[in-house]
Amino acid sequence: MQNKQSNLKYISKNLQASYRQFFDEFSTAAEVVVPLLPQMPTFQLTLFLTQAQAKHYPIMLQMQPSLTETHPYNIHGRLKTLASGQLVLVNHDRQLTHIIDADQIRYLKRI
């Protein structure tokens, strides 16, 4: 009787470990690290932001890590300015809108 209980505990522990390992592999998102682009000078960023907004160019911005991010990340869309002067990047394909702080932009590229 004692032997059957220990076997049952052993099987139960193995099953729990396998189950946990199986779902850990699916639940952890693959971390995508974007290539680090050089920090653009402020005057160049200002010029390119003005051109992108005036000519409605689709652009890619590489942003500095924020409070929730651990590495730079890329966002895509078209640049607009709100009445308050706040920059907004709108991506109609993915139906996303990003409020942009110009100080957090590392790199700007026309797509």
PDB file of N, CA and C in Angstrom:
ATOM      1  N   MET A   1       0.815  -1.189   0.000  1.00  0.00           N
ATOM      2  CA  MET A   1       0.000   0.000   0.000  1.00  0.00           C
ATOM      3  C   MET A   1       0.862   1.258   0.000  1.00  0.00           C
ATOM      4  N   GLN A   2       1.918   1.236   0.801  1.00  0.00           N
ATOM      5  CA  GLN A   2       2.838   2.374   0.889  1.00  0.00           C
ATOM      6  C   GLN A   2       3.531   2.598  -0.453  1.00  0.00           C
ATOM      7  N   ASN A   3       3.900   1.525  -1.120  1.00  0.00           N
ATOM      8  CA  ASN A   3       4.590   1.602  -2.405  1.00  0.00           C
ATOM      9  C   ASN A   3       3.682   2.229  -3.463  1.00  0.00           C
ATOM     10  N   LYS A   4       2.386   1.903  -3.457  1.00  0.00           N
ATOM     11  CA  LYS A   4       1.442   2.463  -4.427  1.00  0.00           C
ATOM     12  C   LYS A   4       1.271   3.965  -4.217  1.00  0.00           C
ATOM     13  N   GLN A   5       1.269   4.413  -2.966  1.00  0.00           N
ATOM     14  CA  GLN A   5       1.124   5.837  -2.680  1.00  0.00           C
ATOM     15  C   GLN A   5       2.353   6.622  -3.124  1.00  0.00           C
ATOM     16  N   SER A   6       3.536   6.075  -2.903  1.00  0.00           N
ATOM     17  CA  SER A   6       4.750   6.778  -3.327  1.00  0.00           C
ATOM     18  C   SER A   6       4.835   6.835  -4.856  1.00  0.00           C
ATOM     19  N   ASN A   7       4.416   5.744  -5.517  1.00  0.00           N
ATOM     20  CA  ASN A   7       4.384   5.770  -6.980  1.00  0.00           C
ATOM     21  C   ASN A   7       3.399   6.808  -7.496  1.00  0.00           C
ATOM     22  N   LEU A   8       2.251   6.893  -6.838  1.00  0.00           N
ATOM     23  CA  LEU A   8       1.249   7.862  -7.243  1.00  0.00           C
ATOM     24  C   LEU A   8       1.759   9.294  -7.039  1.00  0.00           C
ATOM     25  N   LYS A   9       2.454   9.567  -5.953  1.00  0.00           N
ATOM     26  CA  LYS A   9       3.034  10.889  -5.706  1.00  0.00           C
ATOM     27  C   LYS A   9       4.100  11.207  -6.749  1.00  0.00           C
ATOM     28  N   TYR A  10       4.922  10.199  -7.085  1.00  0.00           N
ATOM     29  CA  TYR A  10       5.976  10.394  -8.081  1.00  0.00           C
ATOM     30  C   TYR A  10       5.366  10.742  -9.448  1.00  0.00           C
ATOM     31  N   ILE A  11       4.351  10.001  -9.834  1.00  0.00           N
ATOM     32  CA  ILE A  11       3.689  10.246 -11.119  1.00  0.00           C
ATOM     33  C   ILE A  11       3.013  11.619 -11.102  1.00  0.00           C
ATOM     34  N   SER A  12       2.384  11.956  -9.991  1.00  0.00           N
ATOM     35  CA  SER A  12       1.716  13.247  -9.872  1.00  0.00           C
ATOM     36  C   SER A  12       2.707  14.401 -10.000  1.00  0.00           C
ATOM     37  N   LYS A  13       3.853  14.308  -9.335  1.00  0.00           N
ATOM     38  CA  LYS A  13       4.864  15.361  -9.413  1.00  0.00           C
ATOM     39  C   LYS A  13       5.414  15.489 -10.829  1.00  0.00           C
ATOM     40  N   ASN A  14       5.658  14.352 -11.481  1.00  0.00           N
ATOM     41  CA  ASN A  14       6.149  14.388 -12.867  1.00  0.00           C
ATOM     42  C   ASN A  14       5.125  15.024 -13.804  1.00  0.00           C
ATOM     43  N   LEU A  15       3.871  14.681 -13.599  1.00  0.00           N
ATOM     44  CA  LEU A  15       2.809  15.237 -14.433  1.00  0.00           C
ATOM     45  C   LEU A  15       2.700  16.748 -14.231  1.00  0.00           C
ATOM     46  N   GLN A  16       2.778  17.200 -12.979  1.00  0.00           N
ATOM     47  CA  GLN A  16       2.722  18.636 -12.704  1.00  0.00           C
ATOM     48  C   GLN A  16       3.903  19.372 -13.324  1.00  0.00           C
ATOM     49  N   ALA A  17       5.096  18.803 -13.211  1.00  0.00           N
ATOM     50  CA  ALA A  17       6.288  19.439 -13.778  1.00  0.00           C
ATOM     51  C   ALA A  17       6.194  19.514 -15.306  1.00  0.00           C
ATOM     52  N   SER A  18       5.731  18.440 -15.924  1.00  0.00           N
ATOM     53  CA  SER A  18       5.587  18.429 -17.384  1.00  0.00           C
ATOM     54  C   SER A  18       4.534  19.429 -17.841  1.00  0.00           C
ATOM     55  N   TYR A  19       3.436  19.486 -17.121  1.00  0.00           N
ATOM     56  CA  TYR A  19       2.356  20.414 -17.428  1.00  0.00           C
ATOM     57  C   TYR A  19       2.843  21.852 -17.316  1.00  0.00           C
ATOM     58  N   ARG A  20       3.558  22.164 -16.236  1.00  0.00           N
ATOM     59  CA  ARG A  20       4.074  23.521 -16.026  1.00  0.00           C
ATOM     60  C   ARG A  20       5.066  23.889 -17.125  1.00  0.00           C
ATOM     61  N   GLN A  21       5.962  22.956 -17.467  1.00  0.00           N
ATOM     62  CA  GLN A  21       6.957  23.228 -18.507  1.00  0.00           C
ATOM     63  C   GLN A  21       6.272  23.435 -19.859  1.00  0.00           C
ATOM     64  N   PHE A  22       5.275  22.634 -20.153  1.00  0.00           N
ATOM     65  CA  PHE A  22       4.550  22.723 -21.414  1.00  0.00           C
ATOM     66  C   PHE A  22       3.901  24.103 -21.565  1.00  0.00           C
ATOM     67  N   PHE A  23       3.216  24.575 -20.527  1.00  0.00           N
ATOM     68  CA  PHE A  23       2.529  25.855 -20.629  1.00  0.00           C
ATOM     69  C   PHE A  23       3.464  27.041 -20.466  1.00  0.00           C
ATOM     70  N   ASP A  24       4.586  26.884 -19.814  1.00  0.00           N
ATOM     71  CA  ASP A  24       5.563  27.967 -19.727  1.00  0.00           C
ATOM     72  C   ASP A  24       6.136  28.289 -21.098  1.00  0.00           C
ATOM     73  N   GLU A  25       6.327  27.261 -21.914  1.00  0.00           N
ATOM     74  CA  GLU A  25       6.864  27.475 -23.258  1.00  0.00           C
ATOM     75  C   GLU A  25       5.895  28.266 -24.126  1.00  0.00           C
ATOM     76  N   PHE A  26       4.589  28.060 -23.935  1.00  0.00           N
ATOM     77  CA  PHE A  26       3.597  28.768 -24.735  1.00  0.00           C
ATOM     78  C   PHE A  26       3.251  30.132 -24.173  1.00  0.00           C
ATOM     79  N   SER A  27       3.360  30.292 -22.880  1.00  0.00           N
ATOM     80  CA  SER A  27       2.937  31.554 -22.276  1.00  0.00           C
ATOM     81  C   SER A  27       4.009  32.635 -22.329  1.00  0.00           C
ATOM     82  N   THR A  28       5.275  32.267 -22.405  1.00  0.00           N
ATOM     83  CA  THR A  28       6.323  33.278 -22.481  1.00  0.00           C
ATOM     84  C   THR A  28       6.456  33.730 -23.924  1.00  0.00           C
ATOM     85  N   ALA A  29       6.230  35.007 -24.133  1.00  0.00           N
ATOM     86  CA  ALA A  29       6.312  35.563 -25.485  1.00  0.00           C
ATOM     87  C   ALA A  29       7.774  35.645 -25.914  1.00  0.00           C
ATOM     88  N   ALA A  30       8.004  35.366 -27.170  1.00  0.00           N
ATOM     89  CA  ALA A  30       9.357  35.478 -27.702  1.00  0.00           C
ATOM     90  C   ALA A  30       9.749  36.952 -27.727  1.00  0.00           C
ATOM     91  N   GLU A  31      10.879  37.265 -27.163  1.00  0.00           N
ATOM     92  CA  GLU A  31      11.327  38.646 -27.103  1.00  0.00           C
ATOM     93  C   GLU A  31      11.983  39.014 -28.426  1.00  0.00           C
ATOM     94  N   VAL A  32      11.435  40.021 -29.046  1.00  0.00           N
ATOM     95  CA  VAL A  32      11.961  40.492 -30.318  1.00  0.00           C
ATOM     96  C   VAL A  32      12.820  41.719 -30.045  1.00  0.00           C
ATOM     97  N   VAL A  33      14.083  41.593 -30.354  1.00  0.00           N
ATOM     98  CA  VAL A  33      14.996  42.712 -30.155  1.00  0.00           C
ATOM     99  C   VAL A  33      15.278  43.331 -31.512  1.00  0.00           C
ATOM    100  N   VAL A  34      14.928  44.589 -31.641  1.00  0.00           N
ATOM    101  CA  VAL A  34      15.130  45.281 -32.916  1.00  0.00           C
ATOM    102  C   VAL A  34      16.582  45.723 -33.023  1.00  0.00           C
ATOM    103  N   PRO A  35      17.110  45.818 -34.232  1.00  0.00           N
ATOM    104  CA  PRO A  35      18.476  46.311 -34.388  1.00  0.00           C
ATOM    105  C   PRO A  35      18.581  47.742 -33.865  1.00  0.00           C
ATOM    106  N   LEU A  36      19.610  48.001 -33.123  1.00  0.00           N
ATOM    107  CA  LEU A  36      19.812  49.319 -32.538  1.00  0.00           C
ATOM    108  C   LEU A  36      20.341  50.274 -33.599  1.00  0.00           C
ATOM    109  N   LEU A  37      19.567  51.306 -33.887  1.00  0.00           N
ATOM    110  CA  LEU A  37      19.955  52.312 -34.861  1.00  0.00           C
ATOM    111  C   LEU A  37      20.628  53.470 -34.131  1.00  0.00           C
ATOM    112  N   PRO A  38      21.474  54.234 -34.809  1.00  0.00           N
ATOM    113  CA  PRO A  38      22.197  55.311 -34.125  1.00  0.00           C
ATOM    114  C   PRO A  38      21.266  56.442 -33.683  1.00  0.00           C
ATOM    115  N   GLN A  39      21.637  57.087 -32.598  1.00  0.00           N
ATOM    116  CA  GLN A  39      20.896  58.245 -32.116  1.00  0.00           C
ATOM    117  C   GLN A  39      21.109  59.397 -33.090  1.00  0.00           C
ATOM    118  N   MET A  40      20.024  59.927 -33.648  1.00  0.00           N
ATOM    119  CA  MET A  40      20.129  61.037 -34.594  1.00  0.00           C
ATOM    120  C   MET A  40      20.310  62.343 -33.826  1.00  0.00           C
ATOM    121  N   PRO A  41      21.053  63.290 -34.401  1.00  0.00           N
ATOM    122  CA  PRO A  41      21.185  64.607 -33.769  1.00  0.00           C
ATOM    123  C   PRO A  41      19.830  65.309 -33.692  1.00  0.00           C
ATOM    124  N   THR A  42      19.669  66.176 -32.721  1.00  0.00           N
ATOM    125  CA  THR A  42      18.396  66.861 -32.481  1.00  0.00           C
ATOM    126  C   THR A  42      17.950  67.693 -33.674  1.00  0.00           C
ATOM    127  N   PHE A  43      18.883  68.422 -34.287  1.00  0.00           N
ATOM    128  CA  PHE A  43      18.498  69.264 -35.429  1.00  0.00           C
ATOM    129  C   PHE A  43      17.986  68.420 -36.584  1.00  0.00           C
ATOM    130  N   GLN A  44      18.585  67.253 -36.792  1.00  0.00           N
ATOM    131  CA  GLN A  44      18.166  66.379 -37.877  1.00  0.00           C
ATOM    132  C   GLN A  44      16.787  65.779 -37.583  1.00  0.00           C
ATOM    133  N   LEU A  45      16.569  65.353 -36.349  1.00  0.00           N
ATOM    134  CA  LEU A  45      15.254  64.833 -35.963  1.00  0.00           C
ATOM    135  C   LEU A  45      14.168  65.885 -36.156  1.00  0.00           C
ATOM    136  N   THR A  46      14.442  67.097 -35.736  1.00  0.00           N
ATOM    137  CA  THR A  46      13.471  68.186 -35.870  1.00  0.00           C
ATOM    138  C   THR A  46      13.132  68.431 -37.336  1.00  0.00           C
ATOM    139  N   LEU A  47      14.144  68.475 -38.182  1.00  0.00           N
ATOM    140  CA  LEU A  47      13.934  68.681 -39.616  1.00  0.00           C
ATOM    141  C   LEU A  47      13.113  67.545 -40.217  1.00  0.00           C
ATOM    142  N   PHE A  48      13.493  66.304 -39.929  1.00  0.00           N
ATOM    143  CA  PHE A  48      12.797  65.149 -40.501  1.00  0.00           C
ATOM    144  C   PHE A  48      11.367  65.024 -39.972  1.00  0.00           C
ATOM    145  N   LEU A  49      11.145  65.351 -38.700  1.00  0.00           N
ATOM    146  CA  LEU A  49       9.786  65.324 -38.149  1.00  0.00           C
ATOM    147  C   LEU A  49       8.900  66.352 -38.847  1.00  0.00           C
ATOM    148  N   THR A  50       9.441  67.537 -39.093  1.00  0.00           N
ATOM    149  CA  THR A  50       8.699  68.592 -39.778  1.00  0.00           C
ATOM    150  C   THR A  50       8.348  68.169 -41.200  1.00  0.00           C
ATOM    151  N   GLN A  51       9.317  67.586 -41.923  1.00  0.00           N
ATOM    152  CA  GLN A  51       9.071  67.128 -43.288  1.00  0.00           C
ATOM    153  C   GLN A  51       8.055  65.987 -43.327  1.00  0.00           C
ATOM    154  N   ALA A  52       8.188  65.044 -42.413  1.00  0.00           N
ATOM    155  CA  ALA A  52       7.285  63.889 -42.390  1.00  0.00           C
ATOM    156  C   ALA A  52       5.852  64.320 -42.124  1.00  0.00           C
ATOM    157  N   GLN A  53       5.701  65.312 -41.270  1.00  0.00           N
ATOM    158  CA  GLN A  53       4.363  65.795 -40.961  1.00  0.00           C
ATOM    159  C   GLN A  53       3.788  66.615 -42.112  1.00  0.00           C
ATOM    160  N   ALA A  54       4.588  67.484 -42.694  1.00  0.00           N
ATOM    161  CA  ALA A  54       4.110  68.349 -43.771  1.00  0.00           C
ATOM    162  C   ALA A  54       3.752  67.555 -45.025  1.00  0.00           C
ATOM    163  N   LYS A  55       4.527  66.529 -45.334  1.00  0.00           N
ATOM    164  CA  LYS A  55       4.319  65.763 -46.575  1.00  0.00           C
ATOM    165  C   LYS A  55       3.587  64.445 -46.348  1.00  0.00           C
ATOM    166  N   HIS A  56       3.160  64.175 -45.111  1.00  0.00           N
ATOM    167  CA  HIS A  56       2.383  62.977 -44.760  1.00  0.00           C
ATOM    168  C   HIS A  56       3.094  61.682 -45.149  1.00  0.00           C
ATOM    169  N   TYR A  57       4.403  61.639 -44.910  1.00  0.00           N
ATOM    170  CA  TYR A  57       5.181  60.441 -45.213  1.00  0.00           C
ATOM    171  C   TYR A  57       4.885  59.338 -44.199  1.00  0.00           C
ATOM    172  N   PRO A  58       4.833  58.093 -44.661  1.00  0.00           N
ATOM    173  CA  PRO A  58       4.814  56.988 -43.690  1.00  0.00           C
ATOM    174  C   PRO A  58       6.233  56.854 -43.119  1.00  0.00           C
ATOM    175  N   ILE A  59       6.346  56.755 -41.813  1.00  0.00           N
ATOM    176  CA  ILE A  59       7.667  56.727 -41.179  1.00  0.00           C
ATOM    177  C   ILE A  59       7.764  55.601 -40.161  1.00  0.00           C
ATOM    178  N   MET A  60       9.002  55.298 -39.811  1.00  0.00           N
ATOM    179  CA  MET A  60       9.312  54.374 -38.727  1.00  0.00           C
ATOM    180  C   MET A  60      10.110  55.165 -37.698  1.00  0.00           C
ATOM    181  N   LEU A  61       9.675  55.087 -36.434  1.00  0.00           N
ATOM    182  CA  LEU A  61      10.397  55.732 -35.349  1.00  0.00           C
ATOM    183  C   LEU A  61      10.976  54.659 -34.441  1.00  0.00           C
ATOM    184  N   GLN A  62      12.247  54.812 -34.095  1.00  0.00           N
ATOM    185  CA  GLN A  62      12.809  53.953 -33.059  1.00  0.00           C
ATOM    186  C   GLN A  62      12.818  54.776 -31.780  1.00  0.00           C
ATOM    187  N   MET A  63      12.142  54.265 -30.771  1.00  0.00           N
ATOM    188  CA  MET A  63      11.956  54.992 -29.524  1.00  0.00           C
ATOM    189  C   MET A  63      12.904  54.478 -28.450  1.00  0.00           C
ATOM    190  N   GLN A  64      13.303  55.392 -27.557  1.00  0.00           N
ATOM    191  CA  GLN A  64      14.086  55.014 -26.389  1.00  0.00           C
ATOM    192  C   GLN A  64      13.208  54.136 -25.496  1.00  0.00           C
ATOM    193  N   PRO A  65      13.808  53.259 -24.712  1.00  0.00           N
ATOM    194  CA  PRO A  65      12.986  52.461 -23.782  1.00  0.00           C
ATOM    195  C   PRO A  65      12.238  53.368 -22.808  1.00  0.00           C
ATOM    196  N   SER A  66      10.972  53.040 -22.576  1.00  0.00           N
ATOM    197  CA  SER A  66      10.174  53.813 -21.624  1.00  0.00           C
ATOM    198  C   SER A  66      10.070  53.020 -20.322  1.00  0.00           C
ATOM    199  N   LEU A  67       9.146  53.382 -19.488  1.00  0.00           N
ATOM    200  CA  LEU A  67       9.020  52.720 -18.192  1.00  0.00           C
ATOM    201  C   LEU A  67       8.707  51.235 -18.306  1.00  0.00           C
ATOM    202  N   THR A  68       7.942  50.847 -19.318  1.00  0.00           N
ATOM    203  CA  THR A  68       7.535  49.454 -19.450  1.00  0.00           C
ATOM    204  C   THR A  68       8.426  48.642 -20.382  1.00  0.00           C
ATOM    205  N   GLU A  69       9.303  49.284 -21.099  1.00  0.00           N
ATOM    206  CA  GLU A  69      10.167  48.601 -22.057  1.00  0.00           C
ATOM    207  C   GLU A  69      11.586  48.500 -21.499  1.00  0.00           C
ATOM    208  N   THR A  70      12.309  47.481 -21.946  1.00  0.00           N
ATOM    209  CA  THR A  70      13.693  47.308 -21.510  1.00  0.00           C
ATOM    210  C   THR A  70      14.685  47.557 -22.634  1.00  0.00           C
ATOM    211  N   HIS A  71      14.190  47.713 -23.849  1.00  0.00           N
ATOM    212  CA  HIS A  71      15.063  47.953 -25.001  1.00  0.00           C
ATOM    213  C   HIS A  71      14.329  48.858 -25.986  1.00  0.00           C
ATOM    214  N   PRO A  72      15.060  49.512 -26.897  1.00  0.00           N
ATOM    215  CA  PRO A  72      14.402  50.368 -27.897  1.00  0.00           C
ATOM    216  C   PRO A  72      13.409  49.556 -28.738  1.00  0.00           C
ATOM    217  N   TYR A  73      12.369  50.220 -29.205  1.00  0.00           N
ATOM    218  CA  TYR A  73      11.345  49.555 -30.006  1.00  0.00           C
ATOM    219  C   TYR A  73      10.965  50.450 -31.172  1.00  0.00           C
ATOM    220  N   ASN A  74      10.465  49.817 -32.241  1.00  0.00           N
ATOM    221  CA  ASN A  74      10.086  50.536 -33.462  1.00  0.00           C
ATOM    222  C   ASN A  74       8.572  50.661 -33.545  1.00  0.00           C
ATOM    223  N   ILE A  75       8.108  51.818 -34.021  1.00  0.00           N
ATOM    224  CA  ILE A  75       6.693  52.013 -34.308  1.00  0.00           C
ATOM    225  C   ILE A  75       6.567  52.649 -35.686  1.00  0.00           C
ATOM    226  N   HIS A  76       5.470  52.345 -36.372  1.00  0.00           N
ATOM    227  CA  HIS A  76       5.264  52.800 -37.752  1.00  0.00           C
ATOM    228  C   HIS A  76       3.965  53.578 -37.851  1.00  0.00           C
ATOM    229  N   GLY A  77       3.907  54.503 -38.818  1.00  0.00           N
ATOM    230  CA  GLY A  77       2.677  55.230 -39.073  1.00  0.00           C
ATOM    231  C   GLY A  77       2.930  56.573 -39.726  1.00  0.00           C
ATOM    232  N   ARG A  78       1.923  57.435 -39.642  1.00  0.00           N
ATOM    233  CA  ARG A  78       2.010  58.793 -40.171  1.00  0.00           C
ATOM    234  C   ARG A  78       1.879  59.766 -39.011  1.00  0.00           C
ATOM    235  N   LEU A  79       2.685  60.801 -39.061  1.00  0.00           N
ATOM    236  CA  LEU A  79       2.777  61.757 -37.968  1.00  0.00           C
ATOM    237  C   LEU A  79       1.729  62.861 -38.094  1.00  0.00           C
ATOM    238  N   LYS A  80       1.098  63.204 -36.962  1.00  0.00           N
ATOM    239  CA  LYS A  80       0.145  64.309 -36.895  1.00  0.00           C
ATOM    240  C   LYS A  80       0.430  65.086 -35.615  1.00  0.00           C
ATOM    241  N   THR A  81      -0.086  66.300 -35.556  1.00  0.00           N
ATOM    242  CA  THR A  81       0.044  67.120 -34.357  1.00  0.00           C
ATOM    243  C   THR A  81      -1.348  67.502 -33.860  1.00  0.00           C
ATOM    244  N   LEU A  82      -1.574  67.327 -32.576  1.00  0.00           N
ATOM    245  CA  LEU A  82      -2.839  67.736 -31.976  1.00  0.00           C
ATOM    246  C   LEU A  82      -2.853  69.250 -31.779  1.00  0.00           C
ATOM    247  N   ALA A  83      -4.014  69.803 -31.476  1.00  0.00           N
ATOM    248  CA  ALA A  83      -4.136  71.241 -31.248  1.00  0.00           C
ATOM    249  C   ALA A  83      -3.257  71.694 -30.083  1.00  0.00           C
ATOM    250  N   SER A  84      -3.006  70.784 -29.139  1.00  0.00           N
ATOM    251  CA  SER A  84      -2.170  71.121 -27.982  1.00  0.00           C
ATOM    252  C   SER A  84      -0.681  71.095 -28.316  1.00  0.00           C
ATOM    253  N   GLY A  85      -0.331  70.646 -29.524  1.00  0.00           N
ATOM    254  CA  GLY A  85       1.070  70.569 -29.918  1.00  0.00           C
ATOM    255  C   GLY A  85       1.685  69.200 -29.698  1.00  0.00           C
ATOM    256  N   GLN A  86       0.917  68.260 -29.159  1.00  0.00           N
ATOM    257  CA  GLN A  86       1.399  66.905 -28.902  1.00  0.00           C
ATOM    258  C   GLN A  86       1.509  66.133 -30.213  1.00  0.00           C
ATOM    259  N   LEU A  87       2.623  65.411 -30.391  1.00  0.00           N
ATOM    260  CA  LEU A  87       2.826  64.582 -31.587  1.00  0.00           C
ATOM    261  C   LEU A  87       2.083  63.263 -31.443  1.00  0.00           C
ATOM    262  N   VAL A  88       1.471  62.823 -32.535  1.00  0.00           N
ATOM    263  CA  VAL A  88       0.728  61.566 -32.554  1.00  0.00           C
ATOM    264  C   VAL A  88       1.144  60.794 -33.799  1.00  0.00           C
ATOM    265  N   LEU A  89       1.441  59.512 -33.633  1.00  0.00           N
ATOM    266  CA  LEU A  89       1.763  58.640 -34.763  1.00  0.00           C
ATOM    267  C   LEU A  89       0.585  57.695 -34.959  1.00  0.00           C
ATOM    268  N   VAL A  90      -0.034  57.733 -36.142  1.00  0.00           N
ATOM    269  CA  VAL A  90      -1.230  56.947 -36.428  1.00  0.00           C
ATOM    270  C   VAL A  90      -0.880  55.867 -37.439  1.00  0.00           C
ATOM    271  N   ASN A  91      -1.206  54.626 -37.095  1.00  0.00           N
ATOM    272  CA  ASN A  91      -1.013  53.499 -37.997  1.00  0.00           C
ATOM    273  C   ASN A  91      -2.399  52.950 -38.324  1.00  0.00           C
ATOM    274  N   HIS A  92      -2.904  53.260 -39.531  1.00  0.00           N
ATOM    275  CA  HIS A  92      -4.247  52.836 -39.921  1.00  0.00           C
ATOM    276  C   HIS A  92      -4.314  51.341 -40.213  1.00  0.00           C
ATOM    277  N   ASP A  93      -3.217  50.743 -40.652  1.00  0.00           N
ATOM    278  CA  ASP A  93      -3.218  49.314 -40.960  1.00  0.00           C
ATOM    279  C   ASP A  93      -3.487  48.474 -39.713  1.00  0.00           C
ATOM    280  N   ARG A  94      -2.838  48.830 -38.622  1.00  0.00           N
ATOM    281  CA  ARG A  94      -3.005  48.087 -37.372  1.00  0.00           C
ATOM    282  C   ARG A  94      -3.997  48.749 -36.426  1.00  0.00           C
ATOM    283  N   GLN A  95      -4.560  49.853 -36.841  1.00  0.00           N
ATOM    284  CA  GLN A  95      -5.509  50.622 -36.042  1.00  0.00           C
ATOM    285  C   GLN A  95      -4.915  50.986 -34.677  1.00  0.00           C
ATOM    286  N   LEU A  96      -3.700  51.542 -34.719  1.00  0.00           N
ATOM    287  CA  LEU A  96      -2.997  51.962 -33.510  1.00  0.00           C
ATOM    288  C   LEU A  96      -2.693  53.454 -33.569  1.00  0.00           C
ATOM    289  N   THR A  97      -2.713  54.068 -32.417  1.00  0.00           N
ATOM    290  CA  THR A  97      -2.331  55.469 -32.281  1.00  0.00           C
ATOM    291  C   THR A  97      -1.345  55.579 -31.134  1.00  0.00           C
ATOM    292  N   HIS A  98      -0.206  56.215 -31.392  1.00  0.00           N
ATOM    293  CA  HIS A  98       0.828  56.398 -30.375  1.00  0.00           C
ATOM    294  C   HIS A  98       0.994  57.880 -30.086  1.00  0.00           C
ATOM    295  N   ILE A  99       0.963  58.247 -28.826  1.00  0.00           N
ATOM    296  CA  ILE A  99       1.286  59.616 -28.438  1.00  0.00           C
ATOM    297  C   ILE A  99       2.795  59.653 -28.234  1.00  0.00           C
ATOM    298  N   ILE A 100       3.445  60.576 -28.925  1.00  0.00           N
ATOM    299  CA  ILE A 100       4.901  60.610 -28.997  1.00  0.00           C
ATOM    300  C   ILE A 100       5.468  61.763 -28.185  1.00  0.00           C
ATOM    301  N   ASP A 101       6.503  61.466 -27.426  1.00  0.00           N
ATOM    302  CA  ASP A 101       7.312  62.500 -26.781  1.00  0.00           C
ATOM    303  C   ASP A 101       8.562  62.632 -27.647  1.00  0.00           C
ATOM    304  N   ALA A 102       8.777  63.782 -28.242  1.00  0.00           N
ATOM    305  CA  ALA A 102       9.877  63.973 -29.190  1.00  0.00           C
ATOM    306  C   ALA A 102      11.240  63.677 -28.565  1.00  0.00           C
ATOM    307  N   ASP A 103      11.365  63.843 -27.256  1.00  0.00           N
ATOM    308  CA  ASP A 103      12.639  63.557 -26.582  1.00  0.00           C
ATOM    309  C   ASP A 103      12.959  62.071 -26.550  1.00  0.00           C
ATOM    310  N   GLN A 104      11.956  61.207 -26.754  1.00  0.00           N
ATOM    311  CA  GLN A 104      12.161  59.771 -26.683  1.00  0.00           C
ATOM    312  C   GLN A 104      12.494  59.132 -28.044  1.00  0.00           C
ATOM    313  N   ILE A 105      12.543  59.925 -29.101  1.00  0.00           N
ATOM    314  CA  ILE A 105      12.837  59.396 -30.434  1.00  0.00           C
ATOM    315  C   ILE A 105      14.349  59.234 -30.606  1.00  0.00           C
ATOM    316  N   ARG A 106      14.776  58.031 -30.981  1.00  0.00           N
ATOM    317  CA  ARG A 106      16.181  57.762 -31.271  1.00  0.00           C
ATOM    318  C   ARG A 106      16.491  57.976 -32.751  1.00  0.00           C
ATOM    319  N   TYR A 107      15.568  57.508 -33.590  1.00  0.00           N
ATOM    320  CA  TYR A 107      15.860  57.446 -35.021  1.00  0.00           C
ATOM    321  C   TYR A 107      14.536  57.567 -35.783  1.00  0.00           C
ATOM    322  N   LEU A 108      14.573  58.223 -36.920  1.00  0.00           N
ATOM    323  CA  LEU A 108      13.413  58.388 -37.786  1.00  0.00           C
ATOM    324  C   LEU A 108      13.805  57.955 -39.189  1.00  0.00           C
ATOM    325  N   LYS A 109      12.935  57.157 -39.806  1.00  0.00           N
ATOM    326  CA  LYS A 109      13.218  56.698 -41.170  1.00  0.00           C
ATOM    327  C   LYS A 109      11.929  56.722 -41.972  1.00  0.00           C
ATOM    328  N   ARG A 110      12.016  57.230 -43.201  1.00  0.00           N
ATOM    329  CA  ARG A 110      10.878  57.198 -44.117  1.00  0.00           C
ATOM    330  C   ARG A 110      10.740  55.786 -44.675  1.00  0.00           C
ATOM    331  N   ILE A 111       9.518  55.316 -44.711  1.00  0.00           N
ATOM    332  CA  ILE A 111       9.273  53.940 -45.219  1.00  0.00           C
ATOM    333  C   ILE A 111       8.902  53.997 -46.676  1.00  0.00           C
TER     334      ILE A 111
END
